[in-house]
Amino acid sequence: MSSAPENPPADKAAYTHETVFKTRWKDNDVYGHVNNADYYGYFDTVINEMLISEGGLDIHNGETIGLCAESHCKFLGPLSFPGSVDAFLRVAQLGSSSVRYELALFDGETGEPAAVGWFVHVFVDAQTRRPSEITDQMRALFERLQVA
């Protein structure tokens, strides 16, 4: 029986990429904090913003796209609006057509950890949806962000 990977650390120093963004009014739920589903959206936003700005991902006309094959989030504390999120990312595993990111979210005001998790992208041909080699530009980015 295989076991799930351990949760990534809730330690900012363990990560190689940082993004800071503001929470939005619509993120809060009726309980006055960011809804759990939005944490996954934050993960997705951090990853794709990085892929577009640094990895050469063309979401409109590119030949290759990344599809989420697996994701996980362990909630550690609340986030709310108004507020900010310090989001951290690193690459834990890198294959020929897939990458496993590990992420951590922190409350931007208090510095307290809010969540840790992982997200697996499989890169595929945009038309056929068959696995596609990670581009050289993306691979260089992933290697720079990979942890030992």
Protein backbone atom coordinates (compact mmCIF):
# COMPACT_ATOMS: atom_id res chain seq x y z
CA MET A 1 0.00 0.00 0.00
CA SER A 2 1.44 3.39 -0.96
CA SER A 3 1.23 6.31 1.40
CA ALA A 4 0.50 9.91 0.56
CA PRO A 5 3.43 12.31 0.55
CA GLU A 6 4.09 14.17 3.77
CA ASN A 7 2.75 17.68 4.02
CA PRO A 8 5.20 20.38 2.93
CA PRO A 9 6.74 22.50 5.68
CA ALA A 10 5.04 25.60 7.07
CA ASP A 11 8.38 27.44 6.95
CA LYS A 12 8.92 30.30 4.51
CA ALA A 13 12.66 29.59 4.32
CA ALA A 14 11.97 26.15 2.80
CA TYR A 15 10.59 27.67 -0.42
CA THR A 16 12.22 29.13 -3.52
CA HIS A 17 9.45 31.37 -4.96
CA GLU A 18 7.22 33.96 -3.30
CA THR A 19 4.12 35.79 -4.49
CA VAL A 20 2.11 38.31 -2.44
CA PHE A 21 -1.49 39.19 -3.24
CA LYS A 22 -4.59 40.69 -1.63
CA THR A 23 -7.64 38.72 -0.61
CA ARG A 24 -10.89 39.74 -2.30
CA TRP A 25 -14.31 40.55 -0.88
CA LYS A 26 -15.79 37.52 -2.65
CA ASP A 27 -13.25 35.18 -0.98
CA ASN A 28 -14.94 35.48 2.44
CA ASP A 29 -17.74 33.07 3.24
CA VAL A 30 -20.63 33.51 5.65
CA TYR A 31 -18.36 32.56 8.55
CA GLY A 32 -16.16 35.63 7.97
CA HIS A 33 -13.05 33.94 6.61
CA VAL A 34 -11.75 32.82 3.22
CA ASN A 35 -13.63 29.75 2.05
CA ASN A 36 -11.58 26.56 1.88
CA ALA A 37 -12.12 26.19 -1.88
CA ASP A 38 -10.39 29.52 -2.44
CA TYR A 39 -7.14 28.16 -0.99
CA TYR A 40 -6.96 25.83 -4.02
CA GLY A 41 -7.59 28.85 -6.23
CA TYR A 42 -4.68 30.63 -4.54
CA PHE A 43 -2.43 27.63 -5.25
CA ASP A 44 -3.54 27.61 -8.89
CA THR A 45 -3.01 31.38 -9.22
CA VAL A 46 0.51 31.30 -7.76
CA ILE A 47 1.53 28.45 -10.07
CA ASN A 48 0.04 29.82 -13.28
CA GLU A 49 1.18 33.41 -12.70
CA MET A 50 4.72 32.04 -12.37
CA LEU A 51 4.40 29.80 -15.44
CA ILE A 52 3.10 32.68 -17.56
CA SER A 53 5.57 35.34 -16.35
CA GLU A 54 8.69 33.17 -16.05
CA GLY A 55 8.07 29.84 -17.78
CA GLY A 56 6.80 30.97 -21.17
CA LEU A 57 3.34 29.43 -20.79
CA ASP A 58 0.99 30.84 -23.44
CA ILE A 59 -2.50 30.12 -22.14
CA HIS A 60 -4.20 31.36 -25.30
CA ASN A 61 -2.10 30.11 -28.23
CA GLY A 62 0.43 27.69 -26.78
CA GLU A 63 0.87 24.16 -28.05
CA THR A 64 1.25 22.79 -24.52
CA ILE A 65 -0.97 23.25 -21.46
CA GLY A 66 -0.74 22.03 -17.88
CA LEU A 67 -3.57 19.95 -16.42
CA CYS A 68 -3.98 19.37 -12.70
CA ALA A 69 -3.63 15.66 -11.98
CA GLU A 70 -3.63 15.86 -8.18
CA SER A 71 -3.91 18.47 -5.45
CA HIS A 72 -3.98 18.51 -1.67
CA CYS A 73 -4.40 21.20 0.97
CA LYS A 74 -3.92 21.00 4.73
CA PHE A 75 -5.57 23.96 6.44
CA LEU A 76 -3.58 25.49 9.29
CA GLY A 77 -5.28 28.81 9.97
CA PRO A 78 -7.77 31.33 8.63
CA LEU A 79 -7.33 34.05 6.04
CA SER A 80 -9.84 36.85 5.57
CA PHE A 81 -10.81 39.95 3.66
CA PRO A 82 -9.44 42.52 3.85
CA GLY A 83 -5.99 41.02 4.02
CA SER A 84 -3.05 39.75 2.09
CA VAL A 85 -1.53 36.36 1.42
CA ASP A 86 2.16 35.51 1.27
CA ALA A 87 2.29 32.48 -1.01
CA PHE A 88 5.38 30.29 -1.33
CA LEU A 89 6.20 27.59 -3.87
CA ARG A 90 8.91 25.08 -4.59
CA VAL A 91 9.33 22.15 -6.96
CA ALA A 92 9.50 18.81 -5.18
CA GLN A 93 9.54 16.40 -8.15
CA LEU A 94 10.26 16.94 -11.82
CA GLY A 95 9.57 14.43 -14.56
CA SER A 96 9.63 14.58 -18.35
CA SER A 97 6.03 15.79 -18.64
CA SER A 98 4.98 16.43 -15.04
CA VAL A 99 5.93 18.50 -12.02
CA ARG A 100 4.90 18.36 -8.37
CA TYR A 101 4.82 21.73 -6.65
CA GLU A 102 4.69 22.19 -2.90
CA LEU A 103 3.04 25.34 -1.60
CA ALA A 104 2.51 27.25 1.61
CA LEU A 105 0.17 30.16 2.33
CA PHE A 106 0.70 32.64 5.17
CA ASP A 107 -1.42 35.49 6.51
CA GLY A 108 0.30 38.58 5.15
CA GLU A 109 -0.45 40.66 8.24
CA THR A 110 0.42 38.22 11.03
CA GLY A 111 2.84 35.88 9.26
CA GLU A 112 0.91 32.90 10.63
CA PRO A 113 0.69 29.81 8.40
CA ALA A 114 -2.70 29.32 6.75
CA ALA A 115 -2.17 26.22 4.58
CA VAL A 116 0.34 23.86 3.03
CA GLY A 117 -0.22 21.53 0.12
CA TRP A 118 0.85 20.18 -3.21
CA PHE A 119 -0.28 20.37 -6.81
CA VAL A 120 0.73 18.09 -9.70
CA HIS A 121 0.72 19.43 -13.25
CA VAL A 122 0.91 17.11 -16.25
CA PHE A 123 1.83 18.97 -19.42
CA VAL A 124 -0.09 17.85 -22.48
CA ASP A 125 -0.53 18.79 -26.12
CA ALA A 126 -3.33 21.39 -26.22
CA GLN A 127 -5.13 19.58 -29.05
CA THR A 128 -4.66 15.86 -28.36
CA ARG A 129 -4.36 16.04 -24.55
CA ARG A 130 -1.50 13.52 -24.75
CA PRO A 131 1.54 14.03 -22.47
CA SER A 132 4.08 16.48 -23.83
CA GLU A 133 7.70 17.11 -22.83
CA ILE A 134 8.20 20.10 -20.56
CA THR A 135 9.69 22.93 -22.60
CA ASP A 136 13.32 23.94 -22.08
CA GLN A 137 12.30 27.33 -20.66
CA MET A 138 9.92 25.73 -18.16
CA ARG A 139 12.40 23.01 -17.24
CA ALA A 140 15.05 25.65 -16.45
CA LEU A 141 12.53 27.44 -14.22
CA PHE A 142 11.56 24.21 -12.44
CA GLU A 143 15.19 23.22 -11.91
CA ARG A 144 15.87 26.62 -10.33
CA LEU A 145 12.88 26.14 -7.97
CA GLN A 146 13.58 22.50 -7.16
CA VAL A 147 14.57 21.52 -3.63
CA ALA A 148 17.29 18.97 -2.95
